[in-house]
């Protein structure tokens, strides 16, 4: 991955700031349902593995792990890229 995206990890419970700082500077968001999301829009798999190891060492249960694309500043990252290839030509006659 060369700057094309990152990861979001959702865990059970509200992670306090002390533990969050130990986990490598991932963005922290506490949710009303009692879970916490840790996100990094520019993270590679080595950074993800480091975070997962830290969570394991703290005994924290995972809820979800998702890869996220670097979002464009004005739109949603889930839209497909524009078509750039021309359609194949018909053969024969």
PDB file of N, CA and C in Angstrom:
ATOM      1  N   UNK A   1       0.837  -1.179   0.000  1.00  0.00           N
ATOM      2  CA  UNK A   1       0.000   0.000   0.000  1.00  0.00           C
ATOM      3  C   UNK A   1       0.878   1.237   0.000  1.00  0.00           C
ATOM      4  N   UNK A   2       0.796   2.047  -0.955  1.00  0.00           N
ATOM      5  CA  UNK A   2       1.661   3.219  -1.008  1.00  0.00           C
ATOM      6  C   UNK A   2       0.826   4.485  -0.900  1.00  0.00           C
ATOM      7  N   UNK A   3       0.352   4.788   0.311  1.00  0.00           N
ATOM      8  CA  UNK A   3      -0.410   6.004   0.521  1.00  0.00           C
ATOM      9  C   UNK A   3      -1.815   5.953  -0.019  1.00  0.00           C
ATOM     10  N   UNK A   4      -2.344   4.778  -0.293  1.00  0.00           N
ATOM     11  CA  UNK A   4      -3.661   4.704  -0.910  1.00  0.00           C
ATOM     12  C   UNK A   4      -4.788   4.452   0.079  1.00  0.00           C
ATOM     13  N   UNK A   5      -4.482   4.268   1.340  1.00  0.00           N
ATOM     14  CA  UNK A   5      -5.546   4.032   2.295  1.00  0.00           C
ATOM     15  C   UNK A   5      -5.027   3.625   3.644  1.00  0.00           C
ATOM     16  N   UNK A   6      -5.932   3.095   4.434  1.00  0.00           N
ATOM     17  CA  UNK A   6      -5.573   2.713   5.782  1.00  0.00           C
ATOM     18  C   UNK A   6      -6.573   1.727   6.342  1.00  0.00           C
ATOM     19  N   UNK A   7      -6.784   1.801   7.650  1.00  0.00           N
ATOM     20  CA  UNK A   7      -7.636   0.835   8.331  1.00  0.00           C
ATOM     21  C   UNK A   7      -8.442   1.507   9.429  1.00  0.00           C
ATOM     22  N   UNK A   8      -9.587   0.897   9.742  1.00  0.00           N
ATOM     23  CA  UNK A   8     -10.377   1.240  10.916  1.00  0.00           C
ATOM     24  C   UNK A   8     -10.590  -0.039  11.700  1.00  0.00           C
ATOM     25  N   UNK A   9     -10.334   0.040  12.997  1.00  0.00           N
ATOM     26  CA  UNK A   9     -10.495  -1.106  13.895  1.00  0.00           C
ATOM     27  C   UNK A   9     -11.501  -0.699  14.964  1.00  0.00           C
ATOM     28  N   UNK A  10     -12.548  -1.501  15.141  1.00  0.00           N
ATOM     29  CA  UNK A  10     -13.549  -1.234  16.179  1.00  0.00           C
ATOM     30  C   UNK A  10     -13.380  -2.261  17.290  1.00  0.00           C
ATOM     31  N   UNK A  11     -13.368  -1.781  18.526  1.00  0.00           N
ATOM     32  CA  UNK A  11     -13.137  -2.651  19.674  1.00  0.00           C
ATOM     33  C   UNK A  11     -14.269  -2.497  20.688  1.00  0.00           C
ATOM     34  N   UNK A  12     -14.385  -3.494  21.567  1.00  0.00           N
ATOM     35  CA  UNK A  12     -15.356  -3.410  22.648  1.00  0.00           C
ATOM     36  C   UNK A  12     -14.827  -2.467  23.722  1.00  0.00           C
ATOM     37  N   UNK A  13     -15.725  -1.690  24.305  1.00  0.00           N
ATOM     38  CA  UNK A  13     -15.368  -0.794  25.403  1.00  0.00           C
ATOM     39  C   UNK A  13     -14.845   0.535  24.927  1.00  0.00           C
ATOM     40  N   UNK A  14     -14.741   1.459  25.869  1.00  0.00           N
ATOM     41  CA  UNK A  14     -14.175   2.773  25.588  1.00  0.00           C
ATOM     42  C   UNK A  14     -12.723   2.773  26.020  1.00  0.00           C
ATOM     43  N   UNK A  15     -11.840   2.913  25.073  1.00  0.00           N
ATOM     44  CA  UNK A  15     -10.405   2.926  25.320  1.00  0.00           C
ATOM     45  C   UNK A  15     -10.016   4.285  25.887  1.00  0.00           C
ATOM     46  N   UNK A  16      -9.279   4.302  26.994  1.00  0.00           N
ATOM     47  CA  UNK A  16      -8.882   5.591  27.560  1.00  0.00           C
ATOM     48  C   UNK A  16      -7.669   6.149  26.821  1.00  0.00           C
ATOM     49  N   UNK A  17      -7.423   7.438  27.028  1.00  0.00           N
ATOM     50  CA  UNK A  17      -6.360   8.128  26.294  1.00  0.00           C
ATOM     51  C   UNK A  17      -4.975   7.564  26.591  1.00  0.00           C
ATOM     52  N   UNK A  18      -4.756   7.104  27.809  1.00  0.00           N
ATOM     53  CA  UNK A  18      -3.466   6.528  28.176  1.00  0.00           C
ATOM     54  C   UNK A  18      -3.136   5.320  27.294  1.00  0.00           C
ATOM     55  N   UNK A  19      -4.101   4.411  27.135  1.00  0.00           N
ATOM     56  CA  UNK A  19      -3.876   3.233  26.298  1.00  0.00           C
ATOM     57  C   UNK A  19      -3.819   3.610  24.822  1.00  0.00           C
ATOM     58  N   UNK A  20      -4.619   4.569  24.420  1.00  0.00           N
ATOM     59  CA  UNK A  20      -4.622   4.989  23.017  1.00  0.00           C
ATOM     60  C   UNK A  20      -3.245   5.509  22.609  1.00  0.00           C
ATOM     61  N   UNK A  21      -2.589   6.258  23.480  1.00  0.00           N
ATOM     62  CA  UNK A  21      -1.261   6.795  23.180  1.00  0.00           C
ATOM     63  C   UNK A  21      -0.241   5.668  23.003  1.00  0.00           C
ATOM     64  N   UNK A  22      -0.414   4.578  23.726  1.00  0.00           N
ATOM     65  CA  UNK A  22       0.488   3.424  23.622  1.00  0.00           C
ATOM     66  C   UNK A  22       0.351   2.684  22.304  1.00  0.00           C
ATOM     67  N   UNK A  23      -0.749   2.898  21.601  1.00  0.00           N
ATOM     68  CA  UNK A  23      -1.051   2.102  20.406  1.00  0.00           C
ATOM     69  C   UNK A  23      -0.628   2.760  19.102  1.00  0.00           C
ATOM     70  N   UNK A  24       0.200   3.769  19.160  1.00  0.00           N
ATOM     71  CA  UNK A  24       0.801   4.274  17.936  1.00  0.00           C
ATOM     72  C   UNK A  24       0.130   5.451  17.270  1.00  0.00           C
ATOM     73  N   UNK A  25      -0.667   6.208  17.971  1.00  0.00           N
ATOM     74  CA  UNK A  25      -1.208   7.436  17.408  1.00  0.00           C
ATOM     75  C   UNK A  25      -2.379   7.280  16.456  1.00  0.00           C
ATOM     76  N   UNK A  26      -3.127   6.213  16.556  1.00  0.00           N
ATOM     77  CA  UNK A  26      -4.320   6.057  15.734  1.00  0.00           C
ATOM     78  C   UNK A  26      -5.391   7.024  16.235  1.00  0.00           C
ATOM     79  N   UNK A  27      -6.215   7.554  15.329  1.00  0.00           N
ATOM     80  CA  UNK A  27      -7.315   8.446  15.714  1.00  0.00           C
ATOM     81  C   UNK A  27      -8.348   7.641  16.494  1.00  0.00           C
ATOM     82  N   UNK A  28      -8.829   8.216  17.571  1.00  0.00           N
ATOM     83  CA  UNK A  28      -9.707   7.528  18.503  1.00  0.00           C
ATOM     84  C   UNK A  28     -11.094   8.156  18.465  1.00  0.00           C
ATOM     85  N   UNK A  29     -12.130   7.323  18.377  1.00  0.00           N
ATOM     86  CA  UNK A  29     -13.514   7.810  18.438  1.00  0.00           C
ATOM     87  C   UNK A  29     -14.320   6.856  19.317  1.00  0.00           C
ATOM     88  N   UNK A  30     -14.865   7.394  20.406  1.00  0.00           N
ATOM     89  CA  UNK A  30     -15.705   6.594  21.311  1.00  0.00           C
ATOM     90  C   UNK A  30     -17.152   6.720  20.866  1.00  0.00           C
ATOM     91  N   UNK A  31     -17.846   5.587  20.772  1.00  0.00           N
ATOM     92  CA  UNK A  31     -19.224   5.559  20.284  1.00  0.00           C
ATOM     93  C   UNK A  31     -20.204   5.359  21.438  1.00  0.00           C
ATOM     94  N   UNK A  32     -21.456   5.860  21.274  1.00  0.00           N
ATOM     95  CA  UNK A  32     -22.465   5.716  22.333  1.00  0.00           C
ATOM     96  C   UNK A  32     -22.817   4.261  22.655  1.00  0.00           C
ATOM     97  N   UNK A  33     -22.559   3.349  21.738  1.00  0.00           N
ATOM     98  CA  UNK A  33     -22.889   1.940  21.992  1.00  0.00           C
ATOM     99  C   UNK A  33     -21.843   1.230  22.846  1.00  0.00           C
ATOM    100  N   UNK A  34     -20.847   1.980  23.337  1.00  0.00           N
ATOM    101  CA  UNK A  34     -19.836   1.393  24.205  1.00  0.00           C
ATOM    102  C   UNK A  34     -18.623   0.844  23.476  1.00  0.00           C
ATOM    103  N   UNK A  35     -18.515   1.090  22.176  1.00  0.00           N
ATOM    104  CA  UNK A  35     -17.354   0.649  21.418  1.00  0.00           C
ATOM    105  C   UNK A  35     -16.459   1.838  21.102  1.00  0.00           C
ATOM    106  N   UNK A  36     -15.263   1.541  20.646  1.00  0.00           N
ATOM    107  CA  UNK A  36     -14.297   2.569  20.246  1.00  0.00           C
ATOM    108  C   UNK A  36     -13.763   2.214  18.868  1.00  0.00           C
ATOM    109  N   UNK A  37     -13.609   3.220  18.011  1.00  0.00           N
ATOM    110  CA  UNK A  37     -12.964   3.035  16.712  1.00  0.00           C
ATOM    111  C   UNK A  37     -11.590   3.678  16.737  1.00  0.00           C
ATOM    112  N   UNK A  38     -10.630   2.952  16.192  1.00  0.00           N
ATOM    113  CA  UNK A  38      -9.274   3.461  15.996  1.00  0.00           C
ATOM    114  C   UNK A  38      -9.051   3.491  14.492  1.00  0.00           C
ATOM    115  N   UNK A  39      -8.673   4.657  13.960  1.00  0.00           N
ATOM    116  CA  UNK A  39      -8.547   4.804  12.509  1.00  0.00           C
ATOM    117  C   UNK A  39      -7.236   5.455  12.134  1.00  0.00           C
ATOM    118  N   UNK A  40      -6.733   5.046  10.980  1.00  0.00           N
ATOM    119  CA  UNK A  40      -5.574   5.681  10.364  1.00  0.00           C
ATOM    120  C   UNK A  40      -5.781   5.631   8.860  1.00  0.00           C
ATOM    121  N   UNK A  41      -5.926   6.790   8.240  1.00  0.00           N
ATOM    122  CA  UNK A  41      -6.186   6.817   6.803  1.00  0.00           C
ATOM    123  C   UNK A  41      -4.938   6.535   5.981  1.00  0.00           C
ATOM    124  N   UNK A  42      -3.779   6.656   6.579  1.00  0.00           N
ATOM    125  CA  UNK A  42      -2.518   6.352   5.895  1.00  0.00           C
ATOM    126  C   UNK A  42      -1.754   5.331   6.739  1.00  0.00           C
ATOM    127  N   UNK A  43      -2.177   4.090   6.706  1.00  0.00           N
ATOM    128  CA  UNK A  43      -1.519   3.037   7.488  1.00  0.00           C
ATOM    129  C   UNK A  43      -1.295   1.818   6.602  1.00  0.00           C
ATOM    130  N   UNK A  44      -0.172   1.158   6.825  1.00  0.00           N
ATOM    131  CA  UNK A  44       0.091  -0.070   6.082  1.00  0.00           C
ATOM    132  C   UNK A  44      -0.198  -1.286   6.966  1.00  0.00           C
ATOM    133  N   UNK A  45      -0.019  -2.471   6.423  1.00  0.00           N
ATOM    134  CA  UNK A  45      -0.349  -3.676   7.168  1.00  0.00           C
ATOM    135  C   UNK A  45       0.565  -3.878   8.370  1.00  0.00           C
ATOM    136  N   UNK A  46       1.792  -3.419   8.305  1.00  0.00           N
ATOM    137  CA  UNK A  46       2.688  -3.533   9.457  1.00  0.00           C
ATOM    138  C   UNK A  46       2.156  -2.703  10.625  1.00  0.00           C
ATOM    139  N   UNK A  47       1.652  -1.512  10.338  1.00  0.00           N
ATOM    140  CA  UNK A  47       1.067  -0.681  11.393  1.00  0.00           C
ATOM    141  C   UNK A  47      -0.193  -1.328  11.953  1.00  0.00           C
ATOM    142  N   UNK A  48      -1.003  -1.933  11.093  1.00  0.00           N
ATOM    143  CA  UNK A  48      -2.200  -2.631  11.545  1.00  0.00           C
ATOM    144  C   UNK A  48      -1.818  -3.778  12.481  1.00  0.00           C
ATOM    145  N   UNK A  49      -0.833  -4.563  12.089  1.00  0.00           N
ATOM    146  CA  UNK A  49      -0.401  -5.685  12.925  1.00  0.00           C
ATOM    147  C   UNK A  49       0.130  -5.200  14.271  1.00  0.00           C
ATOM    148  N   UNK A  50       0.838  -4.076  14.274  1.00  0.00           N
ATOM    149  CA  UNK A  50       1.309  -3.501  15.528  1.00  0.00           C
ATOM    150  C   UNK A  50       0.152  -3.114  16.438  1.00  0.00           C
ATOM    151  N   UNK A  51      -0.893  -2.505  15.852  1.00  0.00           N
ATOM    152  CA  UNK A  51      -2.071  -2.149  16.635  1.00  0.00           C
ATOM    153  C   UNK A  51      -2.763  -3.390  17.180  1.00  0.00           C
ATOM    154  N   UNK A  52      -2.957  -4.393  16.331  1.00  0.00           N
ATOM    155  CA  UNK A  52      -3.635  -5.618  16.763  1.00  0.00           C
ATOM    156  C   UNK A  52      -2.852  -6.325  17.868  1.00  0.00           C
ATOM    157  N   UNK A  53      -1.536  -6.301  17.781  1.00  0.00           N
ATOM    158  CA  UNK A  53      -0.705  -6.892  18.837  1.00  0.00           C
ATOM    159  C   UNK A  53      -0.884  -6.136  20.148  1.00  0.00           C
ATOM    160  N   UNK A  54      -0.904  -4.812  20.061  1.00  0.00           N
ATOM    161  CA  UNK A  54      -1.110  -4.008  21.265  1.00  0.00           C
ATOM    162  C   UNK A  54      -2.473  -4.248  21.896  1.00  0.00           C
ATOM    163  N   UNK A  55      -3.507  -4.357  21.069  1.00  0.00           N
ATOM    164  CA  UNK A  55      -4.849  -4.636  21.589  1.00  0.00           C
ATOM    165  C   UNK A  55      -4.890  -6.010  22.242  1.00  0.00           C
ATOM    166  N   UNK A  56      -4.249  -6.981  21.612  1.00  0.00           N
ATOM    167  CA  UNK A  56      -4.190  -8.327  22.186  1.00  0.00           C
ATOM    168  C   UNK A  56      -3.502  -8.303  23.537  1.00  0.00           C
ATOM    169  N   UNK A  57      -2.390  -7.580  23.626  1.00  0.00           N
ATOM    170  CA  UNK A  57      -1.635  -7.506  24.875  1.00  0.00           C
ATOM    171  C   UNK A  57      -2.443  -6.858  25.996  1.00  0.00           C
ATOM    172  N   UNK A  58      -3.368  -5.958  25.622  1.00  0.00           N
ATOM    173  CA  UNK A  58      -4.232  -5.311  26.610  1.00  0.00           C
ATOM    174  C   UNK A  58      -5.485  -6.138  26.910  1.00  0.00           C
ATOM    175  N   UNK A  59      -5.682  -7.238  26.180  1.00  0.00           N
ATOM    176  CA  UNK A  59      -6.846  -8.089  26.397  1.00  0.00           C
ATOM    177  C   UNK A  59      -8.140  -7.486  25.875  1.00  0.00           C
ATOM    178  N   UNK A  60      -8.050  -6.662  24.842  1.00  0.00           N
ATOM    179  CA  UNK A  60      -9.221  -5.969  24.296  1.00  0.00           C
ATOM    180  C   UNK A  60      -9.798  -6.771  23.138  1.00  0.00           C
ATOM    181  N   UNK A  61     -11.122  -6.968  23.146  1.00  0.00           N
ATOM    182  CA  UNK A  61     -11.803  -7.752  22.119  1.00  0.00           C
ATOM    183  C   UNK A  61     -12.090  -6.900  20.880  1.00  0.00           C
ATOM    184  N   UNK A  62     -11.836  -7.491  19.718  1.00  0.00           N
ATOM    185  CA  UNK A  62     -12.137  -6.832  18.440  1.00  0.00           C
ATOM    186  C   UNK A  62     -13.606  -7.005  18.094  1.00  0.00           C
ATOM    187  N   UNK A  63     -14.180  -5.967  17.499  1.00  0.00           N
ATOM    188  CA  UNK A  63     -15.529  -6.036  16.946  1.00  0.00           C
ATOM    189  C   UNK A  63     -15.437  -6.129  15.427  1.00  0.00           C
ATOM    190  N   UNK A  64     -14.566  -5.308  14.822  1.00  0.00           N
ATOM    191  CA  UNK A  64     -14.443  -5.297  13.362  1.00  0.00           C
ATOM    192  C   UNK A  64     -13.109  -4.679  12.957  1.00  0.00           C
ATOM    193  N   UNK A  65     -12.607  -5.121  11.811  1.00  0.00           N
ATOM    194  CA  UNK A  65     -11.426  -4.532  11.174  1.00  0.00           C
ATOM    195  C   UNK A  65     -11.799  -4.303   9.725  1.00  0.00           C
ATOM    196  N   UNK A  66     -11.561  -3.088   9.225  1.00  0.00           N
ATOM    197  CA  UNK A  66     -11.918  -2.773   7.843  1.00  0.00           C
ATOM    198  C   UNK A  66     -10.812  -1.958   7.195  1.00  0.00           C
ATOM    199  N   UNK A  67     -10.568  -2.254   5.933  1.00  0.00           N
ATOM    200  CA  UNK A  67      -9.644  -1.458   5.135  1.00  0.00           C
ATOM    201  C   UNK A  67     -10.440  -0.298   4.554  1.00  0.00           C
ATOM    202  N   UNK A  68      -9.869   0.885   4.589  1.00  0.00           N
ATOM    203  CA  UNK A  68     -10.546   2.064   4.047  1.00  0.00           C
ATOM    204  C   UNK A  68      -9.645   2.724   3.017  1.00  0.00           C
ATOM    205  N   UNK A  69     -10.264   3.205   1.963  1.00  0.00           N
ATOM    206  CA  UNK A  69      -9.523   3.947   0.952  1.00  0.00           C
ATOM    207  C   UNK A  69      -9.336   5.372   1.428  1.00  0.00           C
ATOM    208  N   UNK A  70      -8.283   6.006   0.963  1.00  0.00           N
ATOM    209  CA  UNK A  70      -8.100   7.419   1.255  1.00  0.00           C
ATOM    210  C   UNK A  70      -9.239   8.157   0.583  1.00  0.00           C
ATOM    211  N   UNK A  71     -10.082   8.781   1.371  1.00  0.00           N
ATOM    212  CA  UNK A  71     -11.289   9.425   0.839  1.00  0.00           C
ATOM    213  C   UNK A  71     -10.943  10.726   0.127  1.00  0.00           C
ATOM    214  N   UNK A  72     -11.566  10.962  -1.018  1.00  0.00           N
ATOM    215  CA  UNK A  72     -11.384  12.254  -1.661  1.00  0.00           C
ATOM    216  C   UNK A  72     -12.004  13.339  -0.794  1.00  0.00           C
ATOM    217  N   UNK A  73     -11.513  14.538  -0.915  1.00  0.00           N
ATOM    218  CA  UNK A  73     -11.960  15.603  -0.031  1.00  0.00           C
ATOM    219  C   UNK A  73     -13.409  16.011  -0.248  1.00  0.00           C
ATOM    220  N   UNK A  74     -14.012  15.672  -1.383  1.00  0.00           N
ATOM    221  CA  UNK A  74     -15.377  16.130  -1.647  1.00  0.00           C
ATOM    222  C   UNK A  74     -16.370  15.013  -1.892  1.00  0.00           C
ATOM    223  N   UNK A  75     -15.982  13.764  -1.754  1.00  0.00           N
ATOM    224  CA  UNK A  75     -16.928  12.711  -2.090  1.00  0.00           C
ATOM    225  C   UNK A  75     -16.752  11.473  -1.262  1.00  0.00           C
ATOM    226  N   UNK A  76     -17.544  10.492  -1.578  1.00  0.00           N
ATOM    227  CA  UNK A  76     -17.539   9.220  -0.872  1.00  0.00           C
ATOM    228  C   UNK A  76     -16.528   8.287  -1.528  1.00  0.00           C
ATOM    229  N   UNK A  77     -15.814   7.523  -0.718  1.00  0.00           N
ATOM    230  CA  UNK A  77     -14.781   6.647  -1.253  1.00  0.00           C
ATOM    231  C   UNK A  77     -15.341   5.349  -1.812  1.00  0.00           C
ATOM    232  N   UNK A  78     -16.672   5.158  -1.740  1.00  0.00           N
ATOM    233  CA  UNK A  78     -17.240   3.903  -2.207  1.00  0.00           C
ATOM    234  C   UNK A  78     -17.674   3.943  -3.666  1.00  0.00           C
ATOM    235  N   UNK A  79     -17.619   5.102  -4.311  1.00  0.00           N
ATOM    236  CA  UNK A  79     -18.030   5.160  -5.707  1.00  0.00           C
ATOM    237  C   UNK A  79     -16.950   4.551  -6.593  1.00  0.00           C
ATOM    238  N   UNK A  80     -17.348   3.872  -7.675  1.00  0.00           N
ATOM    239  CA  UNK A  80     -16.359   3.240  -8.546  1.00  0.00           C
ATOM    240  C   UNK A  80     -15.559   4.281  -9.316  1.00  0.00           C
ATOM    241  N   UNK A  81     -14.325   3.948  -9.706  1.00  0.00           N
ATOM    242  CA  UNK A  81     -13.533   4.894 -10.490  1.00  0.00           C
ATOM    243  C   UNK A  81     -14.138   5.062 -11.884  1.00  0.00           C
ATOM    244  N   UNK A  82     -13.896   6.193 -12.524  1.00  0.00           N
ATOM    245  CA  UNK A  82     -14.430   6.394 -13.872  1.00  0.00           C
ATOM    246  C   UNK A  82     -13.800   5.420 -14.863  1.00  0.00           C
ATOM    247  N   UNK A  83     -14.569   5.028 -15.858  1.00  0.00           N
ATOM    248  CA  UNK A  83     -14.067   4.098 -16.879  1.00  0.00           C
ATOM    249  C   UNK A  83     -13.040   4.811 -17.739  1.00  0.00           C
ATOM    250  N   UNK A  84     -11.906   4.137 -17.986  1.00  0.00           N
ATOM    251  CA  UNK A  84     -10.868   4.741 -18.818  1.00  0.00           C
ATOM    252  C   UNK A  84     -10.554   3.902 -20.045  1.00  0.00           C
ATOM    253  N   UNK A  85     -10.993   2.659 -20.071  1.00  0.00           N
ATOM    254  CA  UNK A  85     -10.692   1.780 -21.204  1.00  0.00           C
ATOM    255  C   UNK A  85     -11.799   1.876 -22.246  1.00  0.00           C
ATOM    256  N   UNK A  86     -11.400   1.718 -23.492  1.00  0.00           N
ATOM    257  CA  UNK A  86     -12.399   1.687 -24.552  1.00  0.00           C
ATOM    258  C   UNK A  86     -12.968   0.281 -24.650  1.00  0.00           C
ATOM    259  N   UNK A  87     -14.236   0.141 -25.037  1.00  0.00           N
ATOM    260  CA  UNK A  87     -14.812  -1.199 -25.149  1.00  0.00           C
ATOM    261  C   UNK A  87     -14.136  -2.000 -26.250  1.00  0.00           C
ATOM    262  N   UNK A  88     -14.116  -3.324 -26.126  1.00  0.00           N
ATOM    263  CA  UNK A  88     -13.468  -4.142 -27.161  1.00  0.00           C
ATOM    264  C   UNK A  88     -14.214  -4.007 -28.494  1.00  0.00           C
ATOM    265  N   UNK A  89     -13.436  -4.115 -29.565  1.00  0.00           N
ATOM    266  CA  UNK A  89     -14.042  -4.033 -30.904  1.00  0.00           C
ATOM    267  C   UNK A  89     -14.626  -5.378 -31.290  1.00  0.00           C
ATOM    268  N   UNK A  90     -15.673  -5.349 -32.112  1.00  0.00           N
ATOM    269  CA  UNK A  90     -16.289  -6.576 -32.596  1.00  0.00           C
ATOM    270  C   UNK A  90     -15.415  -7.154 -33.680  1.00  0.00           C
ATOM    271  N   UNK A  91     -15.320  -8.473 -33.677  1.00  0.00           N
ATOM    272  CA  UNK A  91     -14.485  -9.168 -34.675  1.00  0.00           C
ATOM    273  C   UNK A  91     -15.297  -9.569 -35.907  1.00  0.00           C
ATOM    274  N   UNK A  92     -14.567  -9.754 -36.968  1.00  0.00           N
ATOM    275  CA  UNK A  92     -15.117 -10.391 -38.161  1.00  0.00           C
ATOM    276  C   UNK A  92     -16.168  -9.574 -38.874  1.00  0.00           C
ATOM    277  N   UNK A  93     -16.924 -10.301 -39.663  1.00  0.00           N
ATOM    278  CA  UNK A  93     -17.887  -9.562 -40.426  1.00  0.00           C
ATOM    279  C   UNK A  93     -18.862 -10.362 -41.066  1.00  0.00           C
TER     280      UNK A  93
END
